[in-house]
Amino acid sequence: MINDVVSISYIRIAIFVLALLFLALFLFIMKRTRLGLETRAVTQNPRMAASMGINPDRVNMLTFGLGSGIAGIAGVAIGLFAKVTSEMGSDYIVQSFMTVVVGGVGNIWGTLAGAVMIGGSKRVSSGSTRPTRWRRKPI
């Protein structure tokens, strides 16, 4: 809890900071490294990338590993404040898909904007901007 008006747990703040760090790392990888350049080349035209000496299968394998690692980190972050069950990710699958569709496939900043839009609209449509634990229970 920050103060009497704003109540955010420290674990959620830590998860937010962790997410920002991994966003910065991902942007660095995609914009400043050879893997990022090869990934963009293979995404745009795999045959031309292969003719330029890039191994598309290797790039696909590495990007799959990078995406799986990010998903694993997200799962750990969710597990820090949510109940861990075998169906744990099913609540987030549709929201994640909508975020990518709204933001645009292949556009990191658009996906981030889509996440803010989807999260904000979900919070507003829930009928209250207060967390659910603060709502009064009916008598």
Protein backbone atom coordinates (compact mmCIF):
# COMPACT_ATOMS: atom_id res chain seq x y z
CA MET A 1 0.00 0.00 0.00
CA ILE A 2 1.40 3.40 -1.00
CA ASN A 3 -0.97 5.63 0.99
CA ASP A 4 -4.65 5.81 2.05
CA VAL A 5 -5.86 6.71 -1.44
CA VAL A 6 -3.62 4.62 -3.70
CA SER A 7 -3.22 0.96 -2.84
CA ILE A 8 -0.80 -0.98 -5.01
CA SER A 9 1.03 -3.96 -3.63
CA TYR A 10 4.79 -4.00 -3.83
CA ILE A 11 4.74 -7.25 -5.81
CA ARG A 12 2.68 -5.59 -8.56
CA ILE A 13 5.12 -2.70 -8.69
CA ALA A 14 8.01 -5.17 -8.94
CA ILE A 15 6.23 -7.05 -11.75
CA PHE A 16 5.63 -3.78 -13.61
CA VAL A 17 9.31 -2.83 -13.31
CA LEU A 18 10.31 -6.34 -14.42
CA ALA A 19 8.01 -6.02 -17.44
CA LEU A 20 9.58 -2.69 -18.37
CA LEU A 21 13.07 -4.20 -18.08
CA PHE A 22 12.15 -7.10 -20.33
CA LEU A 23 10.48 -4.74 -22.81
CA ALA A 24 13.71 -2.74 -22.98
CA LEU A 25 15.74 -5.95 -23.39
CA PHE A 26 13.42 -7.19 -26.14
CA LEU A 27 13.59 -3.84 -27.97
CA PHE A 28 17.38 -3.90 -27.70
CA ILE A 29 17.52 -7.43 -29.12
CA MET A 30 15.16 -6.63 -31.99
CA LYS A 31 16.70 -3.26 -32.94
CA ARG A 32 20.42 -3.56 -32.12
CA THR A 33 21.53 -7.18 -32.53
CA ARG A 34 22.18 -9.48 -35.45
CA LEU A 35 19.36 -11.77 -34.28
CA GLY A 36 16.92 -8.86 -34.50
CA LEU A 37 18.08 -7.97 -37.99
CA GLU A 38 17.88 -11.60 -39.12
CA THR A 39 14.44 -11.97 -37.52
CA ARG A 40 13.11 -8.95 -39.40
CA ALA A 41 14.66 -10.21 -42.64
CA VAL A 42 13.18 -13.71 -42.29
CA THR A 43 9.79 -12.25 -41.33
CA GLN A 44 9.65 -10.07 -44.44
CA ASN A 45 11.01 -12.54 -46.99
CA PRO A 46 12.41 -15.92 -45.90
CA ARG A 47 13.64 -16.93 -49.37
CA MET A 48 15.53 -13.68 -49.91
CA ALA A 49 17.00 -13.90 -46.39
CA ALA A 50 18.16 -17.45 -47.15
CA SER A 51 19.79 -16.25 -50.37
CA MET A 52 21.69 -13.64 -48.33
CA GLY A 53 23.17 -16.36 -46.10
CA ILE A 54 20.67 -16.30 -43.21
CA ASN A 55 19.46 -19.68 -42.01
CA PRO A 56 15.67 -19.22 -41.63
CA ASP A 57 15.26 -22.43 -39.63
CA ARG A 58 17.85 -21.26 -37.10
CA VAL A 59 16.21 -17.84 -36.83
CA ASN A 60 12.77 -19.43 -36.38
CA MET A 61 14.17 -21.69 -33.67
CA LEU A 62 15.82 -18.80 -31.81
CA THR A 63 12.76 -16.56 -32.02
CA PHE A 64 10.56 -19.40 -30.81
CA GLY A 65 12.93 -19.86 -27.86
CA LEU A 66 12.89 -16.11 -27.15
CA GLY A 67 9.08 -16.01 -27.24
CA SER A 68 8.84 -19.10 -25.04
CA GLY A 69 11.23 -17.55 -22.53
CA ILE A 70 9.17 -14.35 -22.40
CA ALA A 71 6.00 -16.41 -21.91
CA GLY A 72 7.70 -18.34 -19.10
CA ILE A 73 8.73 -15.12 -17.37
CA ALA A 74 5.16 -13.82 -17.71
CA GLY A 75 3.85 -17.07 -16.19
CA VAL A 76 6.16 -16.69 -13.21
CA ALA A 77 5.08 -13.06 -12.78
CA ILE A 78 1.39 -14.01 -12.86
CA GLY A 79 2.07 -16.83 -10.42
CA LEU A 80 3.44 -14.36 -7.89
CA PHE A 81 0.02 -12.82 -7.25
CA ALA A 82 -2.52 -15.25 -8.74
CA LYS A 83 -3.47 -18.78 -7.74
CA VAL A 84 -1.40 -21.27 -9.73
CA THR A 85 -3.53 -23.98 -11.36
CA SER A 86 -3.37 -26.04 -14.53
CA GLU A 87 -5.93 -23.72 -16.16
CA MET A 88 -4.09 -20.59 -15.06
CA GLY A 89 -3.40 -19.18 -18.52
CA SER A 90 -6.89 -19.62 -19.91
CA ASP A 91 -8.00 -16.30 -18.40
CA TYR A 92 -5.26 -14.44 -20.25
CA ILE A 93 -5.34 -16.13 -23.68
CA VAL A 94 -8.26 -14.14 -25.15
CA GLN A 95 -6.96 -10.86 -23.72
CA SER A 96 -3.50 -11.52 -25.16
CA PHE A 97 -4.94 -12.34 -28.58
CA MET A 98 -7.10 -9.18 -28.55
CA THR A 99 -4.08 -7.11 -27.53
CA VAL A 100 -2.02 -8.32 -30.48
CA VAL A 101 -4.92 -7.87 -32.91
CA VAL A 102 -5.68 -4.34 -31.70
CA GLY A 103 -2.02 -3.33 -31.58
CA GLY A 104 -0.96 -4.95 -34.82
CA VAL A 105 1.09 -8.05 -35.43
CA GLY A 106 4.79 -7.22 -35.58
CA ASN A 107 4.45 -3.78 -34.01
CA ILE A 108 5.85 -3.70 -30.49
CA TRP A 109 4.65 -0.17 -29.66
CA GLY A 110 1.22 -0.89 -31.15
CA THR A 111 0.94 -4.01 -29.03
CA LEU A 112 1.86 -1.99 -25.94
CA ALA A 113 -0.79 0.61 -26.84
CA GLY A 114 -3.30 -2.20 -27.44
CA ALA A 115 -2.53 -3.65 -24.01
CA VAL A 116 -3.18 -0.28 -22.37
CA MET A 117 -6.44 0.11 -24.31
CA ILE A 118 -7.69 -3.40 -23.53
CA GLY A 119 -6.70 -3.17 -19.85
CA GLY A 120 -8.25 0.26 -19.46
CA SER A 121 -11.48 -0.72 -21.17
CA LYS A 122 -11.69 -3.87 -19.05
CA ARG A 123 -11.25 -1.83 -15.87
CA VAL A 124 -13.81 0.80 -16.92
CA SER A 125 -16.37 -1.79 -18.10
CA SER A 126 -16.15 -3.64 -14.79
CA GLY A 127 -18.27 -0.85 -13.30
CA SER A 128 -15.70 0.52 -10.92
CA THR A 129 -12.14 1.73 -10.94
CA ARG A 130 -11.65 0.38 -7.43
CA PRO A 131 -10.25 -3.10 -6.87
CA THR A 132 -12.90 -5.76 -6.25
CA ARG A 133 -11.87 -6.29 -2.63
CA TRP A 134 -13.06 -2.74 -1.82
CA ARG A 135 -16.60 -3.19 -3.09
CA ARG A 136 -19.35 -3.39 -0.55
CA LYS A 137 -21.10 -6.70 -0.31
CA PRO A 138 -24.89 -6.71 -0.59
CA ILE A 139 -26.78 -7.30 2.62
